Protein backbone atom coordinates (compact mmCIF):
# COMPACT_ATOMS: atom_id res chain seq x y z
CA MET A 1 -21.89 21.34 7.43
CA ASN A 2 -24.82 20.56 5.13
CA THR A 3 -23.31 18.22 2.53
CA TYR A 4 -25.89 19.34 -0.05
CA THR A 5 -24.72 22.96 0.13
CA LYS A 6 -22.10 23.73 -2.46
CA PRO A 7 -19.04 24.90 -0.55
CA LYS A 8 -17.52 28.30 -1.20
CA THR A 9 -13.89 29.04 -0.46
CA ILE A 10 -10.58 30.53 -1.54
CA ILE A 11 -7.76 28.04 -2.09
CA VAL A 12 -4.24 29.47 -1.86
CA ILE A 13 -1.69 27.14 -3.48
CA PHE A 14 1.89 27.75 -2.41
CA GLY A 15 4.10 26.29 -5.15
CA ALA A 16 1.52 26.90 -7.89
CA THR A 17 4.10 26.67 -10.70
CA GLY A 18 5.28 23.23 -9.57
CA ASP A 19 4.62 19.76 -10.93
CA LEU A 20 2.07 18.74 -8.27
CA ALA A 21 -0.15 21.75 -8.98
CA LYS A 22 0.05 21.16 -12.71
CA ARG A 23 -0.54 17.40 -12.73
CA LYS A 24 -2.93 16.97 -9.80
CA LEU A 25 -4.34 20.08 -8.16
CA PHE A 26 -5.60 22.13 -11.13
CA PRO A 27 -7.28 19.14 -12.87
CA SER A 28 -8.83 17.98 -9.57
CA ILE A 29 -10.31 21.39 -8.76
CA TYR A 30 -11.63 21.56 -12.32
CA GLN A 31 -13.42 18.24 -11.91
CA LEU A 32 -15.09 19.51 -8.72
CA PHE A 33 -16.17 22.63 -10.58
CA LYS A 34 -17.43 20.65 -13.57
CA LYS A 35 -19.45 18.31 -11.33
CA GLU A 36 -20.86 21.34 -9.49
CA GLN A 37 -19.49 20.10 -6.19
CA ILE A 38 -18.19 23.59 -5.50
CA SER A 39 -20.16 26.72 -6.19
CA GLU A 40 -19.31 29.60 -8.52
CA ASP A 41 -18.28 31.41 -5.34
CA PHE A 42 -14.68 30.24 -5.26
CA ALA A 43 -11.24 31.53 -6.17
CA VAL A 44 -7.79 29.97 -6.43
CA VAL A 45 -4.70 32.05 -5.75
CA GLY A 46 -1.44 30.69 -7.09
CA VAL A 47 1.65 31.65 -5.11
CA ALA A 48 5.24 31.13 -6.28
CA ARG A 49 8.51 33.00 -6.84
CA ARG A 50 8.17 33.12 -10.62
CA PRO A 51 6.93 36.50 -11.96
CA LEU A 52 3.70 35.77 -13.83
CA THR A 53 0.60 37.78 -14.68
CA ASN A 54 -2.92 36.52 -13.98
CA GLU A 55 -3.28 35.86 -17.72
CA ASP A 56 -0.08 33.79 -17.83
CA PHE A 57 -1.18 31.78 -14.82
CA ARG A 58 -4.66 31.16 -16.22
CA GLN A 59 -3.15 29.91 -19.47
CA ASN A 60 -1.02 27.50 -17.46
CA VAL A 61 -4.17 26.25 -15.74
CA VAL A 62 -5.97 25.78 -19.07
CA SER A 63 -3.00 23.85 -20.49
CA SER A 64 -2.74 21.69 -17.38
CA VAL A 65 -6.42 20.74 -17.36
CA SER A 66 -6.50 20.19 -21.13
CA GLU A 67 -3.72 17.61 -20.89
CA VAL A 68 -5.72 15.51 -18.43
CA ALA A 69 -9.45 16.13 -18.93
CA LYS A 70 -11.26 14.40 -21.78
CA GLU A 71 -13.83 17.16 -21.90
CA THR A 72 -13.06 20.81 -21.14
CA GLU A 73 -16.51 22.32 -21.04
CA GLY A 74 -16.54 25.61 -19.13
CA LEU A 75 -12.75 25.66 -18.82
CA GLU A 76 -12.40 29.34 -19.69
CA ASN A 77 -14.97 30.33 -17.06
CA PHE A 78 -13.18 28.06 -14.59
CA SER A 79 -9.77 29.61 -15.27
CA ASN A 80 -11.15 33.10 -14.66
CA HIS A 81 -11.40 32.18 -10.97
CA PHE A 82 -7.58 31.85 -10.80
CA TYR A 83 -5.25 34.63 -9.68
CA TYR A 84 -1.49 34.79 -9.34
CA HIS A 85 0.64 36.39 -6.64
CA PRO A 86 4.46 36.51 -6.96
CA PHE A 87 5.78 35.60 -3.55
CA ASP A 88 8.80 35.32 -1.29
CA VAL A 89 8.00 33.00 1.63
CA THR A 90 10.43 34.82 3.95
CA ASN A 91 9.28 38.35 3.08
CA THR A 92 6.70 39.88 5.43
CA ALA A 93 5.50 42.27 2.73
CA SER A 94 4.53 39.31 0.49
CA TYR A 95 2.11 38.04 3.15
CA GLN A 96 0.62 41.48 3.68
CA GLU A 97 0.03 41.86 -0.06
CA LEU A 98 -1.48 38.39 -0.20
CA ASN A 99 -3.79 39.20 2.69
CA HIS A 100 -5.02 42.29 0.85
CA LEU A 101 -5.69 40.21 -2.29
CA LEU A 102 -7.60 37.58 -0.30
CA SER A 103 -9.76 40.26 1.36
CA THR A 104 -10.62 41.65 -2.07
CA LEU A 105 -11.49 38.20 -3.43
CA ASP A 106 -13.60 37.48 -0.34
CA GLU A 107 -15.84 40.37 -1.35
CA THR A 108 -15.73 39.59 -5.08
CA TYR A 109 -16.75 35.95 -4.68
CA ASN A 110 -18.66 36.14 -1.41
CA THR A 111 -16.52 33.37 0.08
CA GLU A 112 -17.36 34.38 3.66
CA GLY A 113 -13.73 34.39 4.76
CA ASN A 114 -13.21 30.66 4.09
CA ARG A 115 -9.56 30.03 3.27
CA ILE A 116 -7.53 26.92 2.51
CA PHE A 117 -3.75 27.24 2.40
CA TYR A 118 -2.27 24.37 0.37
CA LEU A 119 1.50 23.90 0.80
CA ALA A 120 2.59 22.19 -2.42
CA MET A 121 6.25 23.05 -2.14
CA ALA A 122 9.50 22.11 -0.42
CA PRO A 123 8.80 20.93 3.17
CA GLU A 124 11.53 23.11 4.70
CA PHE A 125 9.22 26.09 4.17
CA PHE A 126 6.13 24.57 5.86
CA GLY A 127 6.82 25.94 9.34
CA THR A 128 7.92 29.37 8.08
CA ILE A 129 4.77 29.80 5.99
CA ALA A 130 2.46 28.69 8.79
CA GLU A 131 4.03 31.12 11.27
CA HIS A 132 3.86 34.05 8.84
CA LEU A 133 0.23 33.30 7.94
CA LYS A 134 -0.78 33.82 11.55
CA LYS A 135 1.60 36.68 12.28
CA GLU A 136 0.40 38.73 9.29
CA GLY A 137 -3.28 38.12 10.01
CA LEU A 138 -4.17 35.82 7.13
CA THR A 139 -5.81 33.33 9.52
CA LYS A 140 -8.03 35.99 11.14
CA THR A 141 -11.23 35.74 9.18
CA LYS A 142 -14.92 35.28 9.92
CA GLY A 143 -14.83 31.93 8.07
CA TYR A 144 -12.66 28.85 8.45
CA THR A 145 -8.93 28.57 7.79
CA ARG A 146 -7.31 25.22 6.97
CA LEU A 147 -3.74 24.20 6.22
CA VAL A 148 -3.08 21.36 3.78
CA ILE A 149 0.37 19.77 3.94
CA GLU A 150 1.96 17.35 1.51
CA LYS A 151 4.34 14.64 2.64
CA PRO A 152 7.02 14.29 3.82
CA PHE A 153 5.99 15.55 7.25
CA GLY A 154 9.47 15.64 8.71
CA HIS A 155 12.48 13.41 8.01
CA ASN A 156 12.27 11.50 11.29
CA HIS A 157 10.37 11.79 14.56
CA PRO A 158 12.37 14.72 16.04
CA SER A 159 12.08 16.80 12.85
CA ALA A 160 8.38 15.94 12.51
CA GLN A 161 7.86 16.96 16.13
CA GLN A 162 9.62 20.27 15.56
CA LEU A 163 7.59 20.95 12.41
CA ASN A 164 4.37 20.10 14.19
CA LYS A 165 5.29 22.45 17.03
CA GLN A 166 5.83 25.30 14.54
CA ILE A 167 2.58 24.67 12.71
CA ARG A 168 0.54 24.25 15.89
CA GLN A 169 1.53 27.77 16.93
CA ALA A 170 -0.53 29.01 13.99
CA PHE A 171 -3.16 26.30 13.44
CA LYS A 172 -5.08 23.94 15.72
CA GLU A 173 -4.87 20.20 15.06
CA ASP A 174 -8.39 20.15 13.59
CA GLN A 175 -7.33 22.84 11.08
CA ILE A 176 -4.36 20.81 9.80
CA TYR A 177 -4.94 18.43 6.88
CA ARG A 178 -1.91 16.20 6.26
CA ILE A 179 -2.38 14.61 2.86
CA ASP A 180 -1.60 10.99 2.16
CA HIS A 181 -2.93 10.57 -1.38
CA TYR A 182 -3.28 6.80 -0.90
CA LEU A 183 -6.14 7.56 1.49
CA GLY A 184 -7.98 9.23 -1.38
CA LYS A 185 -7.84 6.18 -3.62
CA GLU A 186 -11.19 4.55 -4.26
CA MET A 187 -10.29 1.02 -3.19
CA VAL A 188 -8.31 2.13 -0.13
CA GLN A 189 -11.45 3.89 1.07
CA ASN A 190 -13.37 0.73 0.20
CA ILE A 191 -11.37 -1.32 2.72
CA GLU A 192 -13.65 -0.18 5.53
CA VAL A 193 -16.79 -0.90 3.49
CA ILE A 194 -15.60 -4.37 2.44
CA ARG A 195 -14.88 -5.19 6.08
CA PHE A 196 -17.70 -3.55 7.99
CA ALA A 197 -20.62 -3.78 5.53
CA ASN A 198 -20.31 -7.49 4.71
CA ALA A 199 -21.30 -10.18 7.17
CA ILE A 200 -19.30 -12.80 5.26
CA PHE A 201 -16.01 -11.01 5.99
CA GLU A 202 -16.04 -9.25 9.35
CA PRO A 203 -16.61 -12.40 11.46
CA LEU A 204 -13.62 -13.98 9.69
CA TRP A 205 -11.38 -10.90 9.95
CA ASN A 206 -9.09 -12.20 12.70
CA ASN A 207 -6.32 -14.65 13.55
CA ARG A 208 -8.68 -17.64 13.69
CA PHE A 209 -9.37 -17.51 9.97
CA ILE A 210 -6.68 -15.37 8.32
CA SER A 211 -3.25 -16.82 7.65
CA ASN A 212 -1.51 -13.64 6.50
CA ILE A 213 -2.11 -10.34 4.74
CA GLN A 214 0.17 -9.04 1.99
CA ILE A 215 0.43 -5.48 0.73
CA THR A 216 2.47 -4.87 -2.41
CA SER A 217 3.10 -1.47 -3.98
CA SER A 218 5.51 -1.91 -6.89
CA GLU A 219 6.70 0.64 -9.43
CA THR A 220 8.35 0.10 -12.79
CA LEU A 221 9.95 3.55 -12.85
CA GLY A 222 13.29 4.37 -11.27
CA VAL A 223 13.94 7.55 -9.30
CA GLU A 224 13.86 9.62 -12.52
CA ASP A 225 14.80 13.23 -11.64
CA ARG A 226 14.23 12.72 -7.89
CA GLY A 227 17.65 11.31 -7.09
CA GLY A 228 18.55 14.15 -4.73
CA TYR A 229 15.33 13.74 -2.75
CA TYR A 230 15.48 9.96 -2.75
CA GLU A 231 19.03 9.89 -1.40
CA LYS A 232 17.66 11.53 1.76
CA SER A 233 14.48 9.50 2.07
CA GLY A 234 14.82 6.02 0.64
CA ALA A 235 11.87 3.67 0.26
CA ILE A 236 11.19 3.35 3.98
CA ARG A 237 10.58 7.09 4.45
CA ASP A 238 9.05 7.63 1.02
CA MET A 239 6.52 4.78 1.19
CA VAL A 240 6.51 2.72 4.39
CA GLN A 241 6.23 5.49 7.01
CA ASN A 242 3.08 6.85 5.37
CA HIS A 243 1.29 4.90 2.63
CA MET A 244 2.06 1.34 3.73
CA LEU A 245 1.41 1.87 7.44
CA GLN A 246 -1.83 3.70 6.65
CA MET A 247 -3.09 0.69 4.68
CA VAL A 248 -2.04 -1.66 7.49
CA SER A 249 -3.98 0.42 10.02
CA LEU A 250 -7.14 0.36 7.88
CA LEU A 251 -6.90 -3.41 7.41
CA ALA A 252 -6.24 -4.14 11.08
CA MET A 253 -8.39 -1.57 12.91
CA GLU A 254 -11.31 -2.56 15.11
CA PRO A 255 -14.80 -1.54 13.93
CA PRO A 256 -15.38 2.07 15.00
CA ILE A 257 -18.47 2.74 17.09
CA LYS A 258 -19.43 5.49 14.62
CA LEU A 259 -18.19 6.52 11.17
CA THR A 260 -16.81 9.80 12.40
CA THR A 261 -13.34 11.24 11.90
CA GLU A 262 -12.50 10.96 15.59
CA GLU A 263 -13.66 7.34 16.01
CA ILE A 264 -11.97 6.05 12.83
CA ARG A 265 -8.72 7.80 13.68
CA SER A 266 -8.88 6.43 17.22
CA GLU A 267 -9.02 2.84 15.96
CA LYS A 268 -6.21 3.39 13.45
CA ILE A 269 -4.00 4.84 16.18
CA LYS A 270 -4.59 1.75 18.35
CA VAL A 271 -3.21 -0.42 15.55
CA LEU A 272 -0.06 1.68 15.22
CA ARG A 273 0.42 1.49 18.99
CA ALA A 274 0.18 -2.31 18.83
CA LEU A 275 2.90 -2.74 16.18
CA ARG A 276 5.71 -4.93 17.50
CA PRO A 277 8.84 -2.73 17.73
CA VAL A 278 11.74 -3.52 15.42
CA ASP A 279 15.31 -2.49 16.24
CA GLU A 280 18.91 -3.68 15.88
CA THR A 281 18.20 -6.79 17.97
CA ASN A 282 15.59 -8.25 15.61
CA LEU A 283 15.75 -6.21 12.38
CA ASP A 284 16.97 -9.04 10.13
CA GLU A 285 14.08 -11.15 11.37
CA TYR A 286 11.48 -8.66 10.21
CA PHE A 287 12.83 -6.41 7.44
CA VAL A 288 14.78 -6.64 4.18
CA ARG A 289 16.08 -3.79 2.07
CA GLY A 290 17.21 -3.68 -1.53
CA GLN A 291 18.59 -1.42 -4.23
CA TYR A 292 18.06 -1.96 -7.94
CA GLY A 293 20.95 -2.47 -10.28
CA PRO A 294 21.11 -2.40 -14.09
CA GLY A 295 18.53 -4.58 -15.80
CA THR A 296 16.02 -4.91 -18.60
CA MET A 297 12.59 -3.27 -18.74
CA ASN A 298 10.31 -3.89 -21.72
CA GLY A 299 13.24 -5.15 -23.75
CA GLU A 300 15.37 -2.09 -23.05
CA ASN A 301 18.47 -1.90 -20.87
CA VAL A 302 18.09 0.48 -17.91
CA LYS A 303 20.71 1.72 -15.49
CA GLY A 304 20.96 0.94 -11.81
CA TYR A 305 20.17 3.33 -8.97
CA ARG A 306 23.80 4.25 -8.42
CA GLU A 307 24.05 5.45 -12.02
CA GLU A 308 21.01 7.75 -11.73
CA ASN A 309 21.38 11.55 -11.68
CA ASN A 310 22.20 13.13 -8.30
CA VAL A 311 22.86 9.74 -6.69
CA ASN A 312 26.04 8.80 -4.84
CA PRO A 313 27.92 6.14 -6.90
CA GLU A 314 28.39 4.20 -3.64
CA SER A 315 24.94 4.91 -2.25
CA ILE A 316 23.47 2.57 0.38
CA THR A 317 19.98 4.12 0.02
CA GLU A 318 17.29 1.47 -0.27
CA THR A 319 14.92 1.54 -3.25
CA TYR A 320 13.07 -1.54 -1.99
CA VAL A 321 11.72 -2.54 1.41
CA ALA A 322 9.98 -5.74 2.49
CA GLY A 323 8.78 -6.25 6.02
CA LYS A 324 6.90 -8.59 8.32
CA LEU A 325 4.75 -6.56 10.70
CA MET A 326 3.25 -8.17 13.77
CA ILE A 327 0.34 -6.54 15.58
CA ASP A 328 0.33 -7.60 19.19
CA ASN A 329 -3.34 -7.52 20.11
CA PHE A 330 -6.09 -10.11 20.56
CA ARG A 331 -7.44 -9.88 16.99
CA TRP A 332 -4.14 -10.24 15.15
CA ALA A 333 -1.77 -12.16 17.44
CA GLY A 334 0.33 -14.47 15.27
CA VAL A 335 -0.83 -13.09 11.89
CA PRO A 336 1.97 -11.55 9.81
CA PHE A 337 1.24 -8.44 7.75
CA TYR A 338 3.74 -8.59 4.90
CA ILE A 339 4.55 -5.35 3.10
CA ARG A 340 6.82 -4.70 0.13
CA THR A 341 7.43 -1.66 -2.01
CA GLY A 342 10.09 -0.81 -4.52
CA LYS A 343 11.17 0.85 -7.72
CA ARG A 344 12.16 -0.73 -11.04
CA MET A 345 10.07 -3.80 -10.35
CA THR A 346 8.38 -6.09 -12.86
CA THR A 347 4.99 -4.41 -12.83
CA LYS A 348 3.32 -1.25 -11.60
CA SER A 349 0.73 -2.48 -9.16
CA THR A 350 -0.72 -1.89 -5.71
CA LYS A 351 -2.62 -4.85 -4.29
CA ILE A 352 -3.73 -6.22 -0.94
CA VAL A 353 -4.01 -10.00 -0.59
CA VAL A 354 -5.87 -11.46 2.37
CA GLN A 355 -5.00 -15.16 2.59
CA PHE A 356 -7.42 -17.27 4.61
CA LYS A 357 -6.32 -20.34 6.52
CA ASP A 358 -6.73 -23.80 5.04
CA ILE A 359 -9.66 -25.85 6.25
CA PRO A 360 -8.77 -28.36 9.02
CA MET A 361 -9.18 -31.45 6.80
CA ASN A 362 -8.81 -31.26 3.04
CA LEU A 363 -11.00 -33.94 1.44
CA TYR A 364 -9.83 -33.29 -2.12
CA TYR A 365 -6.60 -34.71 -3.52
CA LYS A 366 -4.65 -34.39 -6.73
CA LYS A 367 -5.53 -37.12 -9.21
CA GLY A 368 -3.35 -40.17 -8.71
CA VAL A 369 -1.33 -38.49 -5.96
CA ASN A 370 -1.95 -38.80 -2.24
CA GLU A 371 -1.39 -35.07 -1.80
CA PRO A 372 -4.07 -32.55 -0.81
CA ILE A 373 -4.88 -29.72 -3.19
CA GLN A 374 -3.57 -26.41 -1.87
CA ASN A 375 -5.62 -23.54 -3.26
CA PRO A 376 -6.22 -21.18 -0.34
CA ASN A 377 -9.09 -18.75 -0.41
CA LEU A 378 -7.87 -15.26 -1.19
CA LEU A 379 -9.52 -11.86 -1.06
CA VAL A 380 -7.60 -9.50 -3.35
CA ILE A 381 -8.18 -5.75 -3.21
CA HIS A 382 -6.88 -4.15 -6.40
CA ILE A 383 -5.92 -0.52 -5.74
CA GLN A 384 -3.98 0.45 -8.88
CA PRO A 385 -3.78 0.45 -11.84
CA ASP A 386 -6.99 -1.63 -11.74
CA GLU A 387 -9.61 -0.97 -9.12
CA GLY A 388 -11.78 -3.74 -7.75
CA ILE A 389 -11.88 -6.90 -5.67
CA THR A 390 -11.40 -10.57 -6.48
CA LEU A 391 -12.46 -13.50 -4.32
CA HIS A 392 -10.61 -16.77 -5.03
CA LEU A 393 -12.72 -19.87 -4.32
CA ASN A 394 -12.54 -23.60 -5.02
CA VAL A 395 -15.30 -25.38 -6.99
CA ARG A 396 -15.78 -28.88 -8.35
CA LYS A 397 -14.01 -29.49 -11.62
CA SER A 398 -16.24 -30.70 -14.49
CA GLY A 399 -16.06 -34.41 -15.12
CA GLN A 400 -16.27 -37.62 -13.16
CA GLU A 401 -13.27 -37.06 -10.88
CA THR A 402 -13.64 -35.60 -7.39
CA GLN A 403 -11.29 -32.73 -8.06
CA THR A 404 -11.46 -29.01 -7.49
CA THR A 405 -10.43 -26.03 -9.54
CA PRO A 406 -9.89 -22.43 -8.43
CA VAL A 407 -12.28 -19.76 -9.71
CA LYS A 408 -12.34 -16.00 -9.31
CA LEU A 409 -15.34 -13.82 -8.50
CA ASP A 410 -14.54 -10.33 -9.74
CA PHE A 411 -15.79 -6.82 -9.22
CA SER A 412 -13.99 -4.27 -11.38
CA ASN A 413 -14.62 -0.67 -10.43
CA ASN A 414 -12.96 0.53 -13.63
CA SER A 415 -15.29 -1.32 -15.98
CA ILE A 416 -18.49 -0.35 -14.16
CA ASP A 417 -18.09 3.27 -13.19
CA GLY A 418 -14.41 4.07 -13.59
CA ILE A 419 -15.14 7.15 -15.71
CA ASN A 420 -16.84 8.75 -12.72
CA THR A 421 -14.40 7.52 -10.07
CA PRO A 422 -12.92 10.54 -8.27
CA GLU A 423 -9.18 10.82 -8.60
CA ALA A 424 -7.49 10.70 -5.19
CA TYR A 425 -6.64 14.41 -5.02
CA GLU A 426 -10.07 15.41 -6.24
CA ARG A 427 -11.67 13.49 -3.39
CA LEU A 428 -9.25 14.80 -0.76
CA ILE A 429 -9.56 18.44 -1.84
CA TYR A 430 -13.34 18.12 -1.71
CA ASP A 431 -13.14 16.56 1.77
CA CYS A 432 -10.95 19.44 2.94
CA ILE A 433 -13.36 22.05 1.55
CA ARG A 434 -16.22 20.32 3.41
CA GLY A 435 -14.19 20.02 6.61
CA ASP A 436 -14.06 16.21 6.62
CA ALA A 437 -10.63 15.16 7.94
CA THR A 438 -11.31 11.40 8.05
CA ASN A 439 -8.93 10.61 5.19
CA PHE A 440 -6.13 12.85 6.40
CA THR A 441 -3.51 11.80 8.94
CA HIS A 442 -3.65 12.99 12.53
CA TRP A 443 -0.46 14.01 14.32
CA ASP A 444 -0.68 10.93 16.55
CA GLU A 445 -0.59 8.71 13.44
CA VAL A 446 2.41 10.59 12.06
CA SER A 447 4.21 10.40 15.39
CA LEU A 448 3.63 6.67 15.89
CA SER A 449 4.65 5.90 12.30
CA TRP A 450 7.95 7.73 12.71
CA ASN A 451 8.57 6.01 16.05
CA PHE A 452 8.17 2.65 14.32
CA VAL A 453 10.34 3.50 11.29
CA ASP A 454 13.15 5.50 12.94
CA PRO A 455 14.92 2.55 14.66
CA ILE A 456 14.98 0.67 11.34
CA SER A 457 16.42 3.64 9.46
CA ALA A 458 19.01 4.20 12.18
CA VAL A 459 20.36 0.66 11.86
CA TRP A 460 20.46 0.73 8.07
CA GLU A 461 22.18 4.11 7.96
CA SER A 462 24.85 2.90 10.40
CA GLN A 463 25.67 -0.16 8.30
CA ILE A 464 28.05 0.08 5.36
CA THR A 465 26.56 -2.62 3.19
CA THR A 466 28.53 -4.26 0.40
CA ASP A 467 25.76 -6.24 -1.28
CA PHE A 468 24.06 -3.37 -3.14
CA PRO A 469 22.69 -3.52 -5.76
CA ASN A 470 20.96 -6.77 -4.83
CA TYR A 471 18.14 -6.99 -7.37
CA PRO A 472 18.17 -6.27 -11.10
CA ALA A 473 15.78 -3.72 -12.57
CA GLY A 474 12.77 -5.58 -13.94
CA SER A 475 12.59 -8.13 -11.11
CA MET A 476 10.34 -8.29 -8.05
CA GLY A 477 13.09 -7.56 -5.54
CA PRO A 478 15.93 -9.34 -3.72
CA LYS A 479 15.82 -13.04 -2.90
CA ALA A 480 16.04 -12.19 0.81
CA ALA A 481 12.47 -10.89 0.57
CA ASP A 482 11.28 -14.34 -0.51
CA ASP A 483 13.25 -15.92 2.34
CA LEU A 484 11.56 -13.55 4.80
CA LEU A 485 8.21 -15.20 4.07
CA ALA A 486 9.59 -18.71 3.59
CA THR A 487 10.59 -18.87 7.27
CA ASN A 488 6.84 -18.81 8.03
CA GLY A 489 6.00 -21.22 5.21
CA ASP A 490 4.52 -18.39 3.14
CA HIS A 491 5.30 -16.89 -0.25
CA TRP A 492 4.57 -13.66 -2.07
CA TRP A 493 1.56 -13.96 -4.33
CA ALA A 494 2.75 -13.10 -7.83
CA VAL A 495 0.77 -10.64 -9.90
CA SER A 496 0.26 -13.35 -12.53
CA GLU A 497 -1.47 -15.53 -9.92
CA LEU A 498 -3.82 -12.69 -8.98
CA GLU A 499 -4.65 -11.15 -12.36
CA LYS A 500 -8.31 -10.65 -12.90
């Protein structure tokens, strides 16, 4: 596709009255429209059970965008491209009526039969919707048809496999766009550029020069109103199976021979295949789980997970996971990839820390002490809330003594062009419209991720633990997570040590 041609399409959003559509999808599509990255030849059809008129739906869109956008120029014209269709996902007549509406809008907006079906609703309906879309002829057009699916893609490998089988009866693999919104984040996409466009990093990006890599994704919020969902997923399914493993694959992949979807995906899949399996025989060696209890956040007392709404008072669901991942290939043999993610932690932050090995002989010592100075070189990739990179170096301290001091070389994406940085969903929706699936997950990635996570979940679910909760709200997790790294002589880099 010519990237300079403004795409034209119809986007059908199933679950258009839900929170995701309101907070992310409507504002993101508006930004594409405002930046003229999509043409005037587009329409959005909202689909949900609630009985609304087109006018009601358009007002919802205006309200949604107004809450997020600083400027709302052209918002009324934008909202006129939105249409609403009351819908029952199990009713054949609903699909037939929708097909008639889409055919009419194809002619009205000259969208050439291009259709994107965005499933922003409960995952138990994904397979049913996909099958009905094909059966009732909604995928038979002269243009393209694409299916966008939110996580979770299944609850484990067997359920993911069954869902994939259902969807593949209606859509080919290259028509399926499985969203992982972390892959739309600016600095996650920058991982490849930092590695492959800088001669000072790529030659060092291996086990000869890197000591360990740490990925932390911490949240200050608890489960809020998602207790029912979280009881079924836990942190390992909610974060590790998708977001965390995707970042690991980007950090560890070999350079692709070309920057194409197929070649990049191929290298990521090789990483997931090389992950050392974890099961009941070695789980305690590689993974730690936690659950937050009552604690203090910003001077206020907050309740523990077991006191949250729709949560079992004796729940053994993990709200925190820390792991040591080993990639058994030539590049990464012996280098631990440490991951941790959790709720009700000290700060909201997602960071990647690449710790380089110490030099063979340290010539600089602490003043008056026969002890070498230990300030390892670090490359920190700040993903959220800040965006940017920091390189930690050692330089000579001012004065007469032969001492060193650590300094930080910073690039902050927020301060330079943060206003124009595409929000993750905005970027991913635009990629889908253009037919670029690079930043969406392939079935092979989903399958391998579930195969890695399932044995861990199986062990944890079979154990009736008595030590939950094991970290207070407002902390950085259980002590066992620190011990996990200490066995290798490592420690988690605190946010305070990495602040820019």
